[in-house]
C-alpha atoms as a PDB file:
ATOM      1  CA  MET A   1     115.020 112.303 114.983  1.00  0.00           C
ATOM      2  CA  PRO A   2     114.160 109.100 116.177  1.00  0.00           C
ATOM      3  CA  ASP A   3     112.028 106.790 114.606  1.00  0.00           C
ATOM      4  CA  ILE A   4     108.117 107.066 115.939  1.00  0.00           C
ATOM      5  CA  CYS A   5     106.689 104.213 113.796  1.00  0.00           C
ATOM      6  CA  ALA A   6     108.179 100.740 114.363  1.00  0.00           C
ATOM      7  CA  ARG A   7     107.467  97.531 111.596  1.00  0.00           C
ATOM      8  CA  GLY A   8     103.886  95.984 112.680  1.00  0.00           C
ATOM      9  CA  ASP A   9     103.047  99.403 113.979  1.00  0.00           C
ATOM     10  CA  ARG A  10      98.865 100.311 112.480  1.00  0.00           C
ATOM     11  CA  ALA A  11      99.423 103.096 109.979  1.00  0.00           C
ATOM     12  CA  ASP A  12      97.292 105.534 108.261  1.00  0.00           C
ATOM     13  CA  LEU A  13      97.826 106.178 104.556  1.00  0.00           C
ATOM     14  CA  MET A  14      96.444 108.753 101.662  1.00  0.00           C
ATOM     15  CA  ILE A  15      97.510 107.580  97.966  1.00  0.00           C
ATOM     16  CA  VAL A  16      97.809 110.750  96.160  1.00  0.00           C
ATOM     17  CA  ASP A  17      98.075 111.120  92.165  1.00  0.00           C
ATOM     18  CA  PRO A  18     101.009 113.765  91.797  1.00  0.00           C
ATOM     19  CA  GLU A  19      99.379 114.650  88.315  1.00  0.00           C
ATOM     20  CA  ARG A  20      96.458 116.111  90.107  1.00  0.00           C
ATOM     21  CA  LEU A  21      98.782 118.392  92.186  1.00  0.00           C
ATOM     22  CA  ASP A  22      97.377 121.529  90.006  1.00  0.00           C
ATOM     23  CA  THR A  23      95.298 124.495  90.172  1.00  0.00           C
ATOM     24  CA  SER A  24      92.224 122.402  91.170  1.00  0.00           C
ATOM     25  CA  LEU A  25      93.231 122.393  94.790  1.00  0.00           C
ATOM     26  CA  GLU A  26      92.200 125.703  94.392  1.00  0.00           C
ATOM     27  CA  ALA A  27      88.719 124.856  94.186  1.00  0.00           C
ATOM     28  CA  TYR A  28      86.187 125.733  96.669  1.00  0.00           C
ATOM     29  CA  PRO A  29      84.079 122.197  96.535  1.00  0.00           C
ATOM     30  CA  GLU A  30      80.981 121.991  98.273  1.00  0.00           C
ATOM     31  CA  ALA A  31      78.993 118.303  99.483  1.00  0.00           C
ATOM     32  CA  GLU A  32      75.353 118.186 100.383  1.00  0.00           C
ATOM     33  CA  VAL A  33      74.702 116.834 103.929  1.00  0.00           C
ATOM     34  CA  PRO A  34      71.468 114.835 103.937  1.00  0.00           C
ATOM     35  CA  ALA A  35      71.557 115.044 107.818  1.00  0.00           C
ATOM     36  CA  TYR A  36      71.284 118.546 107.656  1.00  0.00           C
ATOM     37  CA  GLY A  37      68.206 118.548 105.047  1.00  0.00           C
ATOM     38  CA  GLY A  38      70.406 119.031 101.956  1.00  0.00           C
ATOM     39  CA  MET A  39      72.340 122.008 102.975  1.00  0.00           C
ATOM     40  CA  SER A  40      75.541 122.337 101.249  1.00  0.00           C
ATOM     41  CA  ARG A  41      78.867 122.730 102.814  1.00  0.00           C
ATOM     42  CA  MET A  42      82.258 123.183 102.453  1.00  0.00           C
ATOM     43  CA  VAL A  43      84.147 119.986 102.108  1.00  0.00           C
ATOM     44  CA  ASN A  44      88.302 120.292 102.461  1.00  0.00           C
ATOM     45  CA  ARG A  45      89.398 117.424 100.067  1.00  0.00           C
ATOM     46  CA  ASN A  46      89.674 116.584  96.569  1.00  0.00           C
ATOM     47  CA  ASP A  47      88.717 113.118  95.043  1.00  0.00           C
ATOM     48  CA  ASP A  48      90.838 113.450  91.721  1.00  0.00           C
ATOM     49  CA  THR A  49      94.324 114.220  93.783  1.00  0.00           C
ATOM     50  CA  VAL A  50      93.973 112.005  96.927  1.00  0.00           C
ATOM     51  CA  THR A  51      92.604 108.579  95.008  1.00  0.00           C
ATOM     52  CA  ALA A  52      92.836 106.487  98.248  1.00  0.00           C
ATOM     53  CA  VAL A  53      92.812 106.381 101.951  1.00  0.00           C
ATOM     54  CA  TYR A  54      93.711 103.588 104.498  1.00  0.00           C
ATOM     55  CA  VAL A  55      93.280 104.051 108.157  1.00  0.00           C
ATOM     56  CA  SER A  56      94.897 101.103 110.466  1.00  0.00           C
ATOM     57  CA  GLY A  57      95.780  99.680 107.215  1.00  0.00           C
ATOM     58  CA  ARG A  58      92.905  98.689 105.958  1.00  0.00           C
ATOM     59  CA  LYS A  59      90.792 100.960 103.062  1.00  0.00           C
ATOM     60  CA  ALA A  60      88.652 103.347 104.094  1.00  0.00           C
ATOM     61  CA  VAL A  61      87.776 105.496 101.325  1.00  0.00           C
ATOM     62  CA  ASP A  62      88.331 104.561  97.210  1.00  0.00           C
ATOM     63  CA  HIS A  63      88.089 107.923  94.763  1.00  0.00           C
ATOM     64  CA  GLY A  64      86.044 109.761  97.327  1.00  0.00           C
ATOM     65  CA  VAL A  65      83.698 107.229  98.036  1.00  0.00           C
ATOM     66  CA  PRO A  66      83.568 104.900 101.964  1.00  0.00           C
ATOM     67  CA  THR A  67      84.394 101.584 101.741  1.00  0.00           C
ATOM     68  CA  ASP A  68      82.404  99.344 103.354  1.00  0.00           C
ATOM     69  CA  ILE A  69      84.165  99.533 106.864  1.00  0.00           C
ATOM     70  CA  VAL A  70      83.241 103.379 107.023  1.00  0.00           C
ATOM     71  CA  GLY A  71      80.585 103.471 110.040  1.00  0.00           C
ATOM     72  CA  SER A  72      80.586  99.731 110.176  1.00  0.00           C
ATOM     73  CA  SER A  73      83.918  98.982 112.337  1.00  0.00           C
ATOM     74  CA  ARG A  74      86.357 100.856 114.389  1.00  0.00           C
ATOM     75  CA  THR A  75      88.801 101.961 111.946  1.00  0.00           C
ATOM     76  CA  GLY A  76      91.006 104.051 113.823  1.00  0.00           C
ATOM     77  CA  GLN A  77      91.084 106.276 117.102  1.00  0.00           C
ATOM     78  CA  PHE A  78      92.153 109.339 118.787  1.00  0.00           C
ATOM     79  CA  LEU A  79      94.734 110.286 120.485  1.00  0.00           C
ATOM     80  CA  ARG A  80      95.007 113.173 123.116  1.00  0.00           C
ATOM     81  CA  ALA A  81      97.476 115.671 122.686  1.00  0.00           C
ATOM     82  CA  GLY A  82     100.840 115.123 124.420  1.00  0.00           C
ATOM     83  CA  SER A  83      99.978 111.200 124.326  1.00  0.00           C
ATOM     84  CA  PRO A  84     102.235 108.806 122.816  1.00  0.00           C
ATOM     85  CA  GLY A  85     101.763 108.480 119.170  1.00  0.00           C
ATOM     86  CA  HIS A  86     100.281 112.055 119.093  1.00  0.00           C
ATOM     87  CA  PRO A  87     102.033 114.206 116.276  1.00  0.00           C
ATOM     88  CA  GLY A  88     102.003 117.394 118.803  1.00  0.00           C
ATOM     89  CA  ARG A  89     103.901 115.591 121.190  1.00  0.00           C
ATOM     90  CA  ARG A  90     107.556 116.800 121.654  1.00  0.00           C
ATOM     91  CA  GLN A  91     109.871 114.077 120.649  1.00  0.00           C
ATOM     92  CA  ARG A  92     113.071 113.677 123.020  1.00  0.00           C
ATOM     93  CA  ARG A  93     116.443 114.382 121.242  1.00  0.00           C
ATOM     94  CA  PRO A  94     119.220 112.373 121.796  1.00  0.00           C
ATOM     95  CA  PRO A  95     121.816 114.736 124.110  1.00  0.00           C
END
């Protein structure tokens, strides 16, 4: 399979603590949403397991806390289905 990234490309990365890949991942975590009057909703995350998230090479989340770049600067982009770089795009295989 051909490489889809090259040196210098923007990258998204998450740092995982392998010691936290345990039964805590089966929990049903919830968080309050202030915009909805404090209503609680299920969140698909585990702040103890995923210790950091980088978007386009910049730290966006540190131990569950968004950094100053979240909401204040553009950290990424949406990819249309089928566009170059989209994970669902089929890669050509060499003959």
